[in-house]
Amino acid sequence: WIVDEADILSRLTEGNLSDRLGDLAK
């Protein structure tokens, strides 16, 4: 759900966003 080519997001944020966006898709 996240492609961070600029390397600006923390791992925690990426994990939280991936969980939220995955839940939204389901």
mmCIF file of all heavy atoms, coordinates in Angstrom:
data_MODEL
# 
_entry.id   MODEL 
# 
loop_
_atom_site.group_PDB 
_atom_site.id 
_atom_site.type_symbol 
_atom_site.label_atom_id 
_atom_site.label_alt_id 
_atom_site.label_comp_id 
_atom_site.label_asym_id 
_atom_site.label_entity_id 
_atom_site.label_seq_id 
_atom_site.pdbx_PDB_ins_code 
_atom_site.Cartn_x 
_atom_site.Cartn_y 
_atom_site.Cartn_z 
_atom_site.occupancy 
_atom_site.B_iso_or_equiv 
_atom_site.pdbx_formal_charge 
_atom_site.auth_seq_id 
_atom_site.auth_comp_id 
_atom_site.auth_asym_id 
_atom_site.auth_atom_id 
_atom_site.pdbx_PDB_model_num 
ATOM 1   N N   . TRP A 1 1  ? 0.824   -1.205 0.000  1.00 0.00 ? 1  TRP A N   1 
ATOM 2   C CA  . TRP A 1 1  ? 0.000   0.000  0.000  1.00 0.00 ? 1  TRP A CA  1 
ATOM 3   C C   . TRP A 1 1  ? 0.859   1.256  0.000  1.00 0.00 ? 1  TRP A C   1 
ATOM 4   O O   . TRP A 1 1  ? 0.383   2.324  -0.353 1.00 0.00 ? 1  TRP A O   1 
ATOM 5   C CB  . TRP A 1 1  ? -0.942  -0.003 1.207  1.00 0.00 ? 1  TRP A CB  1 
ATOM 6   C CG  . TRP A 1 1  ? -1.692  -1.287 1.334  1.00 0.00 ? 1  TRP A CG  1 
ATOM 7   C CD1 . TRP A 1 1  ? -1.524  -2.234 2.291  1.00 0.00 ? 1  TRP A CD1 1 
ATOM 8   C CD2 . TRP A 1 1  ? -2.695  -1.787 0.452  1.00 0.00 ? 1  TRP A CD2 1 
ATOM 9   N NE1 . TRP A 1 1  ? -2.374  -3.296 2.064  1.00 0.00 ? 1  TRP A NE1 1 
ATOM 10  C CE2 . TRP A 1 1  ? -3.107  -3.041 0.935  1.00 0.00 ? 1  TRP A CE2 1 
ATOM 11  C CE3 . TRP A 1 1  ? -3.295  -1.297 -0.704 1.00 0.00 ? 1  TRP A CE3 1 
ATOM 12  C CZ2 . TRP A 1 1  ? -4.082  -3.805 0.321  1.00 0.00 ? 1  TRP A CZ2 1 
ATOM 13  C CZ3 . TRP A 1 1  ? -4.266  -2.058 -1.317 1.00 0.00 ? 1  TRP A CZ3 1 
ATOM 14  C CH2 . TRP A 1 1  ? -4.657  -3.292 -0.810 1.00 0.00 ? 1  TRP A CH2 1 
ATOM 15  N N   . ILE A 1 2  ? 2.128   1.115  0.397  1.00 0.00 ? 2  ILE A N   1 
ATOM 16  C CA  . ILE A 1 2  ? 3.047   2.249  0.505  1.00 0.00 ? 2  ILE A CA  1 
ATOM 17  C C   . ILE A 1 2  ? 4.282   1.957  -0.340 1.00 0.00 ? 2  ILE A C   1 
ATOM 18  O O   . ILE A 1 2  ? 4.910   0.908  -0.176 1.00 0.00 ? 2  ILE A O   1 
ATOM 19  C CB  . ILE A 1 2  ? 3.514   2.471  1.967  1.00 0.00 ? 2  ILE A CB  1 
ATOM 20  C CG1 . ILE A 1 2  ? 2.352   2.459  2.942  1.00 0.00 ? 2  ILE A CG1 1 
ATOM 21  C CG2 . ILE A 1 2  ? 4.353   3.733  2.067  1.00 0.00 ? 2  ILE A CG2 1 
ATOM 22  C CD1 . ILE A 1 2  ? 1.395   3.600  2.809  1.00 0.00 ? 2  ILE A CD1 1 
ATOM 23  N N   . VAL A 1 3  ? 4.645   2.882  -1.223 1.00 0.00 ? 3  VAL A N   1 
ATOM 24  C CA  . VAL A 1 3  ? 5.911   2.812  -1.960 1.00 0.00 ? 3  VAL A CA  1 
ATOM 25  C C   . VAL A 1 3  ? 6.652   4.103  -1.613 1.00 0.00 ? 3  VAL A C   1 
ATOM 26  O O   . VAL A 1 3  ? 6.342   5.165  -2.147 1.00 0.00 ? 3  VAL A O   1 
ATOM 27  C CB  . VAL A 1 3  ? 5.690   2.676  -3.483 1.00 0.00 ? 3  VAL A CB  1 
ATOM 28  C CG1 . VAL A 1 3  ? 7.026   2.648  -4.207 1.00 0.00 ? 3  VAL A CG1 1 
ATOM 29  C CG2 . VAL A 1 3  ? 4.869   1.434  -3.806 1.00 0.00 ? 3  VAL A CG2 1 
ATOM 30  N N   . ASP A 1 4  ? 7.605   3.989  -0.699 1.00 0.00 ? 4  ASP A N   1 
ATOM 31  C CA  . ASP A 1 4  ? 8.319   5.166  -0.178 1.00 0.00 ? 4  ASP A CA  1 
ATOM 32  C C   . ASP A 1 4  ? 9.683   5.308  -0.844 1.00 0.00 ? 4  ASP A C   1 
ATOM 33  O O   . ASP A 1 4  ? 10.716  5.070  -0.237 1.00 0.00 ? 4  ASP A O   1 
ATOM 34  C CB  . ASP A 1 4  ? 8.463   5.038  1.344  1.00 0.00 ? 4  ASP A CB  1 
ATOM 35  C CG  . ASP A 1 4  ? 9.036   6.287  1.991  1.00 0.00 ? 4  ASP A CG  1 
ATOM 36  O OD1 . ASP A 1 4  ? 9.036   7.352  1.347  1.00 0.00 ? 4  ASP A OD1 1 
ATOM 37  O OD2 . ASP A 1 4  ? 9.484   6.183  3.146  1.00 0.00 ? 4  ASP A OD2 1 
ATOM 38  N N   . GLU A 1 5  ? 9.677   5.711  -2.111 1.00 0.00 ? 5  GLU A N   1 
ATOM 39  C CA  . GLU A 1 5  ? 10.921  5.897  -2.860 1.00 0.00 ? 5  GLU A CA  1 
ATOM 40  C C   . GLU A 1 5  ? 11.753  7.055  -2.299 1.00 0.00 ? 5  GLU A C   1 
ATOM 41  O O   . GLU A 1 5  ? 12.966  7.055  -2.409 1.00 0.00 ? 5  GLU A O   1 
ATOM 42  C CB  . GLU A 1 5  ? 10.623  6.154  -4.341 1.00 0.00 ? 5  GLU A CB  1 
ATOM 43  C CG  . GLU A 1 5  ? 10.113  4.949  -5.077 1.00 0.00 ? 5  GLU A CG  1 
ATOM 44  C CD  . GLU A 1 5  ? 11.168  3.882  -5.272 1.00 0.00 ? 5  GLU A CD  1 
ATOM 45  O OE1 . GLU A 1 5  ? 12.295  4.212  -5.689 1.00 0.00 ? 5  GLU A OE1 1 
ATOM 46  O OE2 . GLU A 1 5  ? 10.865  2.708  -4.984 1.00 0.00 ? 5  GLU A OE2 1 
ATOM 47  N N   . ALA A 1 6  ? 11.113  8.058  -1.725 1.00 0.00 ? 6  ALA A N   1 
ATOM 48  C CA  . ALA A 1 6  ? 11.825  9.211  -1.176 1.00 0.00 ? 6  ALA A CA  1 
ATOM 49  C C   . ALA A 1 6  ? 12.404  8.919  0.205  1.00 0.00 ? 6  ALA A C   1 
ATOM 50  O O   . ALA A 1 6  ? 13.187  9.705  0.723  1.00 0.00 ? 6  ALA A O   1 
ATOM 51  C CB  . ALA A 1 6  ? 10.897  10.429 -1.097 1.00 0.00 ? 6  ALA A CB  1 
ATOM 52  N N   . ASP A 1 7  ? 12.012  7.797  0.791  1.00 0.00 ? 7  ASP A N   1 
ATOM 53  C CA  . ASP A 1 7  ? 12.502  7.378  2.107  1.00 0.00 ? 7  ASP A CA  1 
ATOM 54  C C   . ASP A 1 7  ? 12.254  8.463  3.158  1.00 0.00 ? 7  ASP A C   1 
ATOM 55  O O   . ASP A 1 7  ? 13.168  8.889  3.860  1.00 0.00 ? 7  ASP A O   1 
ATOM 56  C CB  . ASP A 1 7  ? 13.996  7.022  2.021  1.00 0.00 ? 7  ASP A CB  1 
ATOM 57  C CG  . ASP A 1 7  ? 14.440  6.178  3.206  1.00 0.00 ? 7  ASP A CG  1 
ATOM 58  O OD1 . ASP A 1 7  ? 13.601  5.463  3.766  1.00 0.00 ? 7  ASP A OD1 1 
ATOM 59  O OD2 . ASP A 1 7  ? 15.626  6.255  3.578  1.00 0.00 ? 7  ASP A OD2 1 
ATOM 60  N N   . ILE A 1 8  ? 11.000  8.890  3.247  1.00 0.00 ? 8  ILE A N   1 
ATOM 61  C CA  . ILE A 1 8  ? 10.648  9.966  4.186  1.00 0.00 ? 8  ILE A CA  1 
ATOM 62  C C   . ILE A 1 8  ? 9.718   9.506  5.302  1.00 0.00 ? 8  ILE A C   1 
ATOM 63  O O   . ILE A 1 8  ? 9.490   10.253 6.247  1.00 0.00 ? 8  ILE A O   1 
ATOM 64  C CB  . ILE A 1 8  ? 10.002  11.160 3.447  1.00 0.00 ? 8  ILE A CB  1 
ATOM 65  C CG1 . ILE A 1 8  ? 8.781   10.714 2.653  1.00 0.00 ? 8  ILE A CG1 1 
ATOM 66  C CG2 . ILE A 1 8  ? 11.017  11.877 2.583  1.00 0.00 ? 8  ILE A CG2 1 
ATOM 67  C CD1 . ILE A 1 8  ? 8.013   11.833 1.982  1.00 0.00 ? 8  ILE A CD1 1 
ATOM 68  N N   . LEU A 1 9  ? 9.196   8.294  5.192  1.00 0.00 ? 9  LEU A N   1 
ATOM 69  C CA  . LEU A 1 9  ? 8.251   7.811  6.203  1.00 0.00 ? 9  LEU A CA  1 
ATOM 70  C C   . LEU A 1 9  ? 8.954   6.870  7.179  1.00 0.00 ? 9  LEU A C   1 
ATOM 71  O O   . LEU A 1 9  ? 9.814   6.078  6.784  1.00 0.00 ? 9  LEU A O   1 
ATOM 72  C CB  . LEU A 1 9  ? 7.082   7.080  5.543  1.00 0.00 ? 9  LEU A CB  1 
ATOM 73  C CG  . LEU A 1 9  ? 6.241   7.913  4.582  1.00 0.00 ? 9  LEU A CG  1 
ATOM 74  C CD1 . LEU A 1 9  ? 5.211   7.047  3.885  1.00 0.00 ? 9  LEU A CD1 1 
ATOM 75  C CD2 . LEU A 1 9  ? 5.580   9.064  5.310  1.00 0.00 ? 9  LEU A CD2 1 
ATOM 76  N N   . SER A 1 10 ? 8.562   6.955  8.431  1.00 0.00 ? 10 SER A N   1 
ATOM 77  C CA  . SER A 1 10 ? 9.135   6.058  9.434  1.00 0.00 ? 10 SER A CA  1 
ATOM 78  C C   . SER A 1 10 ? 8.544   4.663  9.249  1.00 0.00 ? 10 SER A C   1 
ATOM 79  O O   . SER A 1 10 ? 7.474   4.496  8.663  1.00 0.00 ? 10 SER A O   1 
ATOM 80  C CB  . SER A 1 10 ? 8.841   6.575  10.840 1.00 0.00 ? 10 SER A CB  1 
ATOM 81  O OG  . SER A 1 10 ? 7.464   6.434  11.139 1.00 0.00 ? 10 SER A OG  1 
ATOM 82  N N   . ARG A 1 11 ? 9.218   3.665  9.778  1.00 0.00 ? 11 ARG A N   1 
ATOM 83  C CA  . ARG A 1 11 ? 8.710   2.301  9.692  1.00 0.00 ? 11 ARG A CA  1 
ATOM 84  C C   . ARG A 1 11 ? 7.384   2.164  10.424 1.00 0.00 ? 11 ARG A C   1 
ATOM 85  O O   . ARG A 1 11 ? 6.490   1.448  9.992  1.00 0.00 ? 11 ARG A O   1 
ATOM 86  C CB  . ARG A 1 11 ? 9.717   1.322  10.289 1.00 0.00 ? 11 ARG A CB  1 
ATOM 87  C CG  . ARG A 1 11 ? 10.826  0.987  9.361  1.00 0.00 ? 11 ARG A CG  1 
ATOM 88  C CD  . ARG A 1 11 ? 11.512  -0.261 9.844  1.00 0.00 ? 11 ARG A CD  1 
ATOM 89  N NE  . ARG A 1 11 ? 12.936  -0.125 9.648  1.00 0.00 ? 11 ARG A NE  1 
ATOM 90  C CZ  . ARG A 1 11 ? 13.835  -0.872 10.223 1.00 0.00 ? 11 ARG A CZ  1 
ATOM 91  N NH1 . ARG A 1 11 ? 13.464  -1.795 11.084 1.00 0.00 ? 11 ARG A NH1 1 
ATOM 92  N NH2 . ARG A 1 11 ? 15.099  -0.711 9.967  1.00 0.00 ? 11 ARG A NH2 1 
ATOM 93  N N   . LEU A 1 12 ? 7.285   2.846  11.555 1.00 0.00 ? 12 LEU A N   1 
ATOM 94  C CA  . LEU A 1 12 ? 6.048   2.807  12.330 1.00 0.00 ? 12 LEU A CA  1 
ATOM 95  C C   . LEU A 1 12 ? 4.878   3.351  11.509 1.00 0.00 ? 12 LEU A C   1 
ATOM 96  O O   . LEU A 1 12 ? 3.807   2.731  11.448 1.00 0.00 ? 12 LEU A O   1 
ATOM 97  C CB  . LEU A 1 12 ? 6.203   3.604  13.624 1.00 0.00 ? 12 LEU A CB  1 
ATOM 98  C CG  . LEU A 1 12 ? 4.979   3.674  14.526 1.00 0.00 ? 12 LEU A CG  1 
ATOM 99  C CD1 . LEU A 1 12 ? 4.614   2.280  15.029 1.00 0.00 ? 12 LEU A CD1 1 
ATOM 100 C CD2 . LEU A 1 12 ? 5.228   4.612  15.691 1.00 0.00 ? 12 LEU A CD2 1 
ATOM 101 N N   . THR A 1 13 ? 5.084   4.489  10.872 1.00 0.00 ? 13 THR A N   1 
ATOM 102 C CA  . THR A 1 13 ? 4.028   5.078  10.042 1.00 0.00 ? 13 THR A CA  1 
ATOM 103 C C   . THR A 1 13 ? 3.685   4.161  8.881  1.00 0.00 ? 13 THR A C   1 
ATOM 104 O O   . THR A 1 13 ? 2.507   3.952  8.580  1.00 0.00 ? 13 THR A O   1 
ATOM 105 C CB  . THR A 1 13 ? 4.451   6.475  9.534  1.00 0.00 ? 13 THR A CB  1 
ATOM 106 O OG1 . THR A 1 13 ? 4.658   7.319  10.657 1.00 0.00 ? 13 THR A OG1 1 
ATOM 107 C CG2 . THR A 1 13 ? 3.402   7.070  8.624  1.00 0.00 ? 13 THR A CG2 1 
ATOM 108 N N   . GLU A 1 14 ? 4.700   3.616  8.220  1.00 0.00 ? 14 GLU A N   1 
ATOM 109 C CA  . GLU A 1 14 ? 4.442   2.701  7.102  1.00 0.00 ? 14 GLU A CA  1 
ATOM 110 C C   . GLU A 1 14 ? 3.622   1.506  7.561  1.00 0.00 ? 14 GLU A C   1 
ATOM 111 O O   . GLU A 1 14 ? 2.675   1.095  6.885  1.00 0.00 ? 14 GLU A O   1 
ATOM 112 C CB  . GLU A 1 14 ? 5.752   2.218  6.477  1.00 0.00 ? 14 GLU A CB  1 
ATOM 113 C CG  . GLU A 1 14 ? 6.358   3.202  5.525  1.00 0.00 ? 14 GLU A CG  1 
ATOM 114 C CD  . GLU A 1 14 ? 7.486   2.594  4.709  1.00 0.00 ? 14 GLU A CD  1 
ATOM 115 O OE1 . GLU A 1 14 ? 7.270   1.520  4.102  1.00 0.00 ? 14 GLU A OE1 1 
ATOM 116 O OE2 . GLU A 1 14 ? 8.563   3.191  4.678  1.00 0.00 ? 14 GLU A OE2 1 
ATOM 117 N N   . GLY A 1 15 ? 3.964   0.946  8.721  1.00 0.00 ? 15 GLY A N   1 
ATOM 118 C CA  . GLY A 1 15 ? 3.222   -0.196 9.248  1.00 0.00 ? 15 GLY A CA  1 
ATOM 119 C C   . GLY A 1 15 ? 1.780   0.158  9.571  1.00 0.00 ? 15 GLY A C   1 
ATOM 120 O O   . GLY A 1 15 ? 0.856   -0.580 9.214  1.00 0.00 ? 15 GLY A O   1 
ATOM 121 N N   . ASN A 1 16 ? 1.589   1.301  10.239 1.00 0.00 ? 16 ASN A N   1 
ATOM 122 C CA  . ASN A 1 16 ? 0.233   1.738  10.586 1.00 0.00 ? 16 ASN A CA  1 
ATOM 123 C C   . ASN A 1 16 ? -0.603  2.005  9.334  1.00 0.00 ? 16 ASN A C   1 
ATOM 124 O O   . ASN A 1 16 ? -1.773  1.605  9.262  1.00 0.00 ? 16 ASN A O   1 
ATOM 125 C CB  . ASN A 1 16 ? 0.268   2.991  11.461 1.00 0.00 ? 16 ASN A CB  1 
ATOM 126 C CG  . ASN A 1 16 ? 0.774   2.707  12.863 1.00 0.00 ? 16 ASN A CG  1 
ATOM 127 O OD1 . ASN A 1 16 ? 0.753   1.576  13.327 1.00 0.00 ? 16 ASN A OD1 1 
ATOM 128 N ND2 . ASN A 1 16 ? 1.245   3.745  13.536 1.00 0.00 ? 16 ASN A ND2 1 
ATOM 129 N N   . LEU A 1 17 ? -0.002  2.699  8.380  1.00 0.00 ? 17 LEU A N   1 
ATOM 130 C CA  . LEU A 1 17 ? -0.728  2.999  7.143  1.00 0.00 ? 17 LEU A CA  1 
ATOM 131 C C   . LEU A 1 17 ? -1.062  1.722  6.375  1.00 0.00 ? 17 LEU A C   1 
ATOM 132 O O   . LEU A 1 17 ? -2.174  1.574  5.854  1.00 0.00 ? 17 LEU A O   1 
ATOM 133 C CB  . LEU A 1 17 ? 0.077   3.943  6.257  1.00 0.00 ? 17 LEU A CB  1 
ATOM 134 C CG  . LEU A 1 17 ? 0.237   5.380  6.739  1.00 0.00 ? 17 LEU A CG  1 
ATOM 135 C CD1 . LEU A 1 17 ? 1.195   6.143  5.834  1.00 0.00 ? 17 LEU A CD1 1 
ATOM 136 C CD2 . LEU A 1 17 ? -1.106  6.076  6.808  1.00 0.00 ? 17 LEU A CD2 1 
ATOM 137 N N   . SER A 1 18 ? -0.132  0.808  6.303  1.00 0.00 ? 18 SER A N   1 
ATOM 138 C CA  . SER A 1 18 ? -0.375  -0.455 5.592  1.00 0.00 ? 18 SER A CA  1 
ATOM 139 C C   . SER A 1 18 ? -1.518  -1.221 6.238  1.00 0.00 ? 18 SER A C   1 
ATOM 140 O O   . SER A 1 18 ? -2.372  -1.785 5.537  1.00 0.00 ? 18 SER A O   1 
ATOM 141 C CB  . SER A 1 18 ? 0.890   -1.314 5.568  1.00 0.00 ? 18 SER A CB  1 
ATOM 142 O OG  . SER A 1 18 ? 1.847   -0.743 4.715  1.00 0.00 ? 18 SER A OG  1 
ATOM 143 N N   . ASP A 1 19 ? -1.543  -1.238 7.568  1.00 0.00 ? 19 ASP A N   1 
ATOM 144 C CA  . ASP A 1 19 ? -2.642  -1.922 8.271  1.00 0.00 ? 19 ASP A CA  1 
ATOM 145 C C   . ASP A 1 19 ? -3.981  -1.263 7.955  1.00 0.00 ? 19 ASP A C   1 
ATOM 146 O O   . ASP A 1 19 ? -4.960  -1.935 7.636  1.00 0.00 ? 19 ASP A O   1 
ATOM 147 C CB  . ASP A 1 19 ? -2.402  -1.910 9.785  1.00 0.00 ? 19 ASP A CB  1 
ATOM 148 C CG  . ASP A 1 19 ? -1.255  -2.807 10.206 1.00 0.00 ? 19 ASP A CG  1 
ATOM 149 O OD1 . ASP A 1 19 ? -0.815  -3.652 9.394  1.00 0.00 ? 19 ASP A OD1 1 
ATOM 150 O OD2 . ASP A 1 19 ? -0.788  -2.654 11.355 1.00 0.00 ? 19 ASP A OD2 1 
ATOM 151 N N   . ARG A 1 20 ? -4.025  0.062  8.035  1.00 0.00 ? 20 ARG A N   1 
ATOM 152 C CA  . ARG A 1 20 ? -5.280  0.796  7.775  1.00 0.00 ? 20 ARG A CA  1 
ATOM 153 C C   . ARG A 1 20 ? -5.758  0.599  6.345  1.00 0.00 ? 20 ARG A C   1 
ATOM 154 O O   . ARG A 1 20 ? -6.937  0.360  6.091  1.00 0.00 ? 20 ARG A O   1 
ATOM 155 C CB  . ARG A 1 20 ? -5.082  2.289  8.019  1.00 0.00 ? 20 ARG A CB  1 
ATOM 156 C CG  . ARG A 1 20 ? -5.061  2.685  9.449  1.00 0.00 ? 20 ARG A CG  1 
ATOM 157 C CD  . ARG A 1 20 ? -5.129  4.196  9.511  1.00 0.00 ? 20 ARG A CD  1 
ATOM 158 N NE  . ARG A 1 20 ? -4.300  4.688  10.583 1.00 0.00 ? 20 ARG A NE  1 
ATOM 159 C CZ  . ARG A 1 20 ? -3.932  5.946  10.721 1.00 0.00 ? 20 ARG A CZ  1 
ATOM 160 N NH1 . ARG A 1 20 ? -4.297  6.843  9.835  1.00 0.00 ? 20 ARG A NH1 1 
ATOM 161 N NH2 . ARG A 1 20 ? -3.210  6.325  11.738 1.00 0.00 ? 20 ARG A NH2 1 
ATOM 162 N N   . LEU A 1 21 ? -4.822  0.751  5.394  1.00 0.00 ? 21 LEU A N   1 
ATOM 163 C CA  . LEU A 1 21 ? -5.196  0.645  3.987  1.00 0.00 ? 21 LEU A CA  1 
ATOM 164 C C   . LEU A 1 21 ? -5.573  -0.789 3.617  1.00 0.00 ? 21 LEU A C   1 
ATOM 165 O O   . LEU A 1 21 ? -6.462  -1.010 2.788  1.00 0.00 ? 21 LEU A O   1 
ATOM 166 C CB  . LEU A 1 21 ? -4.077  1.184  3.099  1.00 0.00 ? 21 LEU A CB  1 
ATOM 167 C CG  . LEU A 1 21 ? -3.746  2.669  3.305  1.00 0.00 ? 21 LEU A CG  1 
ATOM 168 C CD1 . LEU A 1 21 ? -2.556  3.080  2.445  1.00 0.00 ? 21 LEU A CD1 1 
ATOM 169 C CD2 . LEU A 1 21 ? -4.947  3.550  3.046  1.00 0.00 ? 21 LEU A CD2 1 
ATOM 170 N N   . GLY A 1 22 ? -4.914  -1.758 4.235  1.00 0.00 ? 22 GLY A N   1 
ATOM 171 C CA  . GLY A 1 22 ? -5.283  -3.158 4.024  1.00 0.00 ? 22 GLY A CA  1 
ATOM 172 C C   . GLY A 1 22 ? -6.682  -3.452 4.553  1.00 0.00 ? 22 GLY A C   1 
ATOM 173 O O   . GLY A 1 22 ? -7.471  -4.141 3.897  1.00 0.00 ? 22 GLY A O   1 
ATOM 174 N N   . ASP A 1 23 ? -6.984  -2.924 5.740  1.00 0.00 ? 23 ASP A N   1 
ATOM 175 C CA  . ASP A 1 23 ? -8.332  -3.094 6.307  1.00 0.00 ? 23 ASP A CA  1 
ATOM 176 C C   . ASP A 1 23 ? -9.388  -2.434 5.422  1.00 0.00 ? 23 ASP A C   1 
ATOM 177 O O   . ASP A 1 23 ? -10.460 -2.996 5.207  1.00 0.00 ? 23 ASP A O   1 
ATOM 178 C CB  . ASP A 1 23 ? -8.400  -2.508 7.721  1.00 0.00 ? 23 ASP A CB  1 
ATOM 179 C CG  . ASP A 1 23 ? -7.631  -3.334 8.740  1.00 0.00 ? 23 ASP A CG  1 
ATOM 180 O OD1 . ASP A 1 23 ? -7.302  -4.504 8.435  1.00 0.00 ? 23 ASP A OD1 1 
ATOM 181 O OD2 . ASP A 1 23 ? -7.350  -2.799 9.837  1.00 0.00 ? 23 ASP A OD2 1 
ATOM 182 N N   . LEU A 1 24 ? -9.073  -1.246 4.920  1.00 0.00 ? 24 LEU A N   1 
ATOM 183 C CA  . LEU A 1 24 ? -9.997  -0.544 4.033  1.00 0.00 ? 24 LEU A CA  1 
ATOM 184 C C   . LEU A 1 24 ? -10.284 -1.382 2.785  1.00 0.00 ? 24 LEU A C   1 
ATOM 185 O O   . LEU A 1 24 ? -11.441 -1.513 2.366  1.00 0.00 ? 24 LEU A O   1 
ATOM 186 C CB  . LEU A 1 24 ? -9.417  0.823  3.627  1.00 0.00 ? 24 LEU A CB  1 
ATOM 187 C CG  . LEU A 1 24 ? -10.249 1.640  2.645  1.00 0.00 ? 24 LEU A CG  1 
ATOM 188 C CD1 . LEU A 1 24 ? -11.524 2.132  3.317  1.00 0.00 ? 24 LEU A CD1 1 
ATOM 189 C CD2 . LEU A 1 24 ? -9.433  2.806  2.109  1.00 0.00 ? 24 LEU A CD2 1 
ATOM 190 N N   . ALA A 1 25 ? -9.255  -1.976 2.219  1.00 0.00 ? 25 ALA A N   1 
ATOM 191 C CA  . ALA A 1 25 ? -9.427  -2.794 1.017  1.00 0.00 ? 25 ALA A CA  1 
ATOM 192 C C   . ALA A 1 25 ? -10.292 -4.018 1.315  1.00 0.00 ? 25 ALA A C   1 
ATOM 193 O O   . ALA A 1 25 ? -11.146 -4.389 0.510  1.00 0.00 ? 25 ALA A O   1 
ATOM 194 C CB  . ALA A 1 25 ? -8.062  -3.214 0.473  1.00 0.00 ? 25 ALA A CB  1 
ATOM 195 N N   . LYS A 1 26 ? -10.085 -4.635 2.474  1.00 0.00 ? 26 LYS A N   1 
ATOM 196 C CA  . LYS A 1 26 ? -10.891 -5.815 2.840  1.00 0.00 ? 26 LYS A CA  1 
ATOM 197 C C   . LYS A 1 26 ? -12.349 -5.449 3.072  1.00 0.00 ? 26 LYS A C   1 
ATOM 198 O O   . LYS A 1 26 ? -13.257 -6.164 2.668  1.00 0.00 ? 26 LYS A O   1 
ATOM 199 C CB  . LYS A 1 26 ? -10.319 -6.458 4.102  1.00 0.00 ? 26 LYS A CB  1 
ATOM 200 C CG  . LYS A 1 26 ? -9.067  -7.243 3.876  1.00 0.00 ? 26 LYS A CG  1 
ATOM 201 C CD  . LYS A 1 26 ? -8.545  -7.813 5.182  1.00 0.00 ? 26 LYS A CD  1 
ATOM 202 C CE  . LYS A 1 26 ? -7.156  -8.399 4.979  1.00 0.00 ? 26 LYS A CE  1 
ATOM 203 N NZ  . LYS A 1 26 ? -6.527  -8.738 6.256  1.00 0.00 ? 26 LYS A NZ  1 
# 
